[in-house]
Amino acid sequence: MMPGMSGFEVAGLLKHHPSTARIPILVLTSKEISADDRRELQSKVAACVQKGKSARDDQLVAEIRRLRRANV
């Protein structure tokens, strides 16, 4: 859904570049993530949250808080 490069490619590049490799990546997507996509993202991102429902909003806030605690 991104022009020119997929989110998978962006996450991979960020994880392989020394200046960004330690920054946690949180994916917020409107796309339904398949089990295969989740497996591919697992080594590249800290968390993946699907946009849309209010329960997902709570999940986004919870993931941000979790990442903040983990990196303090």
C-alpha atoms as a PDB file:
ATOM      1  CA  MET A   1       0.000   0.000   0.000  1.00  0.00           C
ATOM      2  CA  MET A   2       3.041   2.275   0.113  1.00  0.00           C
ATOM      3  CA  PRO A   3       4.343   3.742  -3.132  1.00  0.00           C
ATOM      4  CA  GLY A   4       7.672   2.375  -4.344  1.00  0.00           C
ATOM      5  CA  MET A   5       8.429   0.049  -1.442  1.00  0.00           C
ATOM      6  CA  SER A   6       6.513  -2.293   0.829  1.00  0.00           C
ATOM      7  CA  GLY A   7       6.321  -1.889   4.578  1.00  0.00           C
ATOM      8  CA  PHE A   8       8.207  -5.181   4.851  1.00  0.00           C
ATOM      9  CA  GLU A   9      11.081  -3.660   2.877  1.00  0.00           C
ATOM     10  CA  VAL A  10      11.088  -0.483   4.969  1.00  0.00           C
ATOM     11  CA  ALA A  11      11.173  -2.487   8.214  1.00  0.00           C
ATOM     12  CA  GLY A  12      13.994  -4.661   6.864  1.00  0.00           C
ATOM     13  CA  LEU A  13      16.066  -1.651   5.831  1.00  0.00           C
ATOM     14  CA  LEU A  14      15.555   0.036   9.199  1.00  0.00           C
ATOM     15  CA  LYS A  15      16.593  -3.123  11.068  1.00  0.00           C
ATOM     16  CA  HIS A  16      19.733  -3.537   8.957  1.00  0.00           C
ATOM     17  CA  HIS A  17      20.954   0.065   9.166  1.00  0.00           C
ATOM     18  CA  PRO A  18      23.187   0.636  12.224  1.00  0.00           C
ATOM     19  CA  SER A  19      21.685   4.019  13.108  1.00  0.00           C
ATOM     20  CA  THR A  20      18.090   2.695  13.191  1.00  0.00           C
ATOM     21  CA  ALA A  21      18.514  -0.992  14.074  1.00  0.00           C
ATOM     22  CA  ARG A  22      17.699  -0.519  17.763  1.00  0.00           C
ATOM     23  CA  ILE A  23      14.614   1.656  17.274  1.00  0.00           C
ATOM     24  CA  PRO A  24      11.459  -0.378  17.957  1.00  0.00           C
ATOM     25  CA  ILE A  25       9.099  -0.434  14.990  1.00  0.00           C
ATOM     26  CA  LEU A  26       5.366  -0.416  15.672  1.00  0.00           C
ATOM     27  CA  VAL A  27       3.234  -1.227  12.632  1.00  0.00           C
ATOM     28  CA  LEU A  28      -0.216   0.340  12.457  1.00  0.00           C
ATOM     29  CA  THR A  29      -2.036  -1.055   9.447  1.00  0.00           C
ATOM     30  CA  SER A  30      -5.459  -1.104   7.876  1.00  0.00           C
ATOM     31  CA  LYS A  31      -4.522  -4.287   6.010  1.00  0.00           C
ATOM     32  CA  GLU A  32      -5.550  -7.671   7.364  1.00  0.00           C
ATOM     33  CA  ILE A  33      -2.238  -9.300   8.322  1.00  0.00           C
ATOM     34  CA  SER A  34      -1.964 -12.967   7.381  1.00  0.00           C
ATOM     35  CA  ALA A  35      -0.119 -15.540   9.483  1.00  0.00           C
ATOM     36  CA  ASP A  36       2.665 -15.576   6.868  1.00  0.00           C
ATOM     37  CA  ASP A  37       2.945 -11.774   7.012  1.00  0.00           C
ATOM     38  CA  ARG A  38       3.123 -11.887  10.810  1.00  0.00           C
ATOM     39  CA  ARG A  39       5.920 -14.463  10.658  1.00  0.00           C
ATOM     40  CA  GLU A  40       7.848 -12.292   8.203  1.00  0.00           C
ATOM     41  CA  LEU A  41       7.377  -9.191  10.346  1.00  0.00           C
ATOM     42  CA  GLN A  42       8.210 -10.940  13.617  1.00  0.00           C
ATOM     43  CA  SER A  43      11.973 -10.459  13.256  1.00  0.00           C
ATOM     44  CA  LYS A  44      11.625  -6.882  12.002  1.00  0.00           C
ATOM     45  CA  VAL A  45       9.031  -5.157  14.174  1.00  0.00           C
ATOM     46  CA  ALA A  46       8.264  -4.859  17.865  1.00  0.00           C
ATOM     47  CA  ALA A  47       4.484  -4.969  17.434  1.00  0.00           C
ATOM     48  CA  CYS A  48       1.737  -4.915  14.830  1.00  0.00           C
ATOM     49  CA  VAL A  49      -1.692  -3.352  15.446  1.00  0.00           C
ATOM     50  CA  GLN A  50      -4.594  -3.266  13.016  1.00  0.00           C
ATOM     51  CA  LYS A  51      -6.424   0.060  12.598  1.00  0.00           C
ATOM     52  CA  GLY A  52     -10.108   0.469  13.042  1.00  0.00           C
ATOM     53  CA  LYS A  53     -11.947  -0.816  16.054  1.00  0.00           C
ATOM     54  CA  SER A  54     -11.956   0.796  19.504  1.00  0.00           C
ATOM     55  CA  ALA A  55     -10.470  -2.352  21.024  1.00  0.00           C
ATOM     56  CA  ARG A  56      -7.595  -1.904  18.576  1.00  0.00           C
ATOM     57  CA  ASP A  57      -7.136   1.680  19.828  1.00  0.00           C
ATOM     58  CA  ASP A  58      -6.669   0.287  23.328  1.00  0.00           C
ATOM     59  CA  GLN A  59      -4.227  -2.240  21.904  1.00  0.00           C
ATOM     60  CA  LEU A  60      -2.220   0.538  20.223  1.00  0.00           C
ATOM     61  CA  VAL A  61      -1.901   2.485  23.470  1.00  0.00           C
ATOM     62  CA  ALA A  62      -0.952  -0.694  25.348  1.00  0.00           C
ATOM     63  CA  GLU A  63       1.748  -1.546  22.793  1.00  0.00           C
ATOM     64  CA  ILE A  64       3.202   1.978  22.936  1.00  0.00           C
ATOM     65  CA  ARG A  65       3.348   1.788  26.728  1.00  0.00           C
ATOM     66  CA  ARG A  66       4.932  -1.680  26.580  1.00  0.00           C
ATOM     67  CA  LEU A  67       7.603  -0.490  24.154  1.00  0.00           C
ATOM     68  CA  ARG A  68       8.282   2.593  26.249  1.00  0.00           C
ATOM     69  CA  ARG A  69       8.795   0.482  29.392  1.00  0.00           C
ATOM     70  CA  ALA A  70      11.032  -1.966  27.531  1.00  0.00           C
ATOM     71  CA  ASN A  71      13.298   0.801  26.228  1.00  0.00           C
ATOM     72  CA  VAL A  72      13.655   2.915  29.377  1.00  0.00           C
END
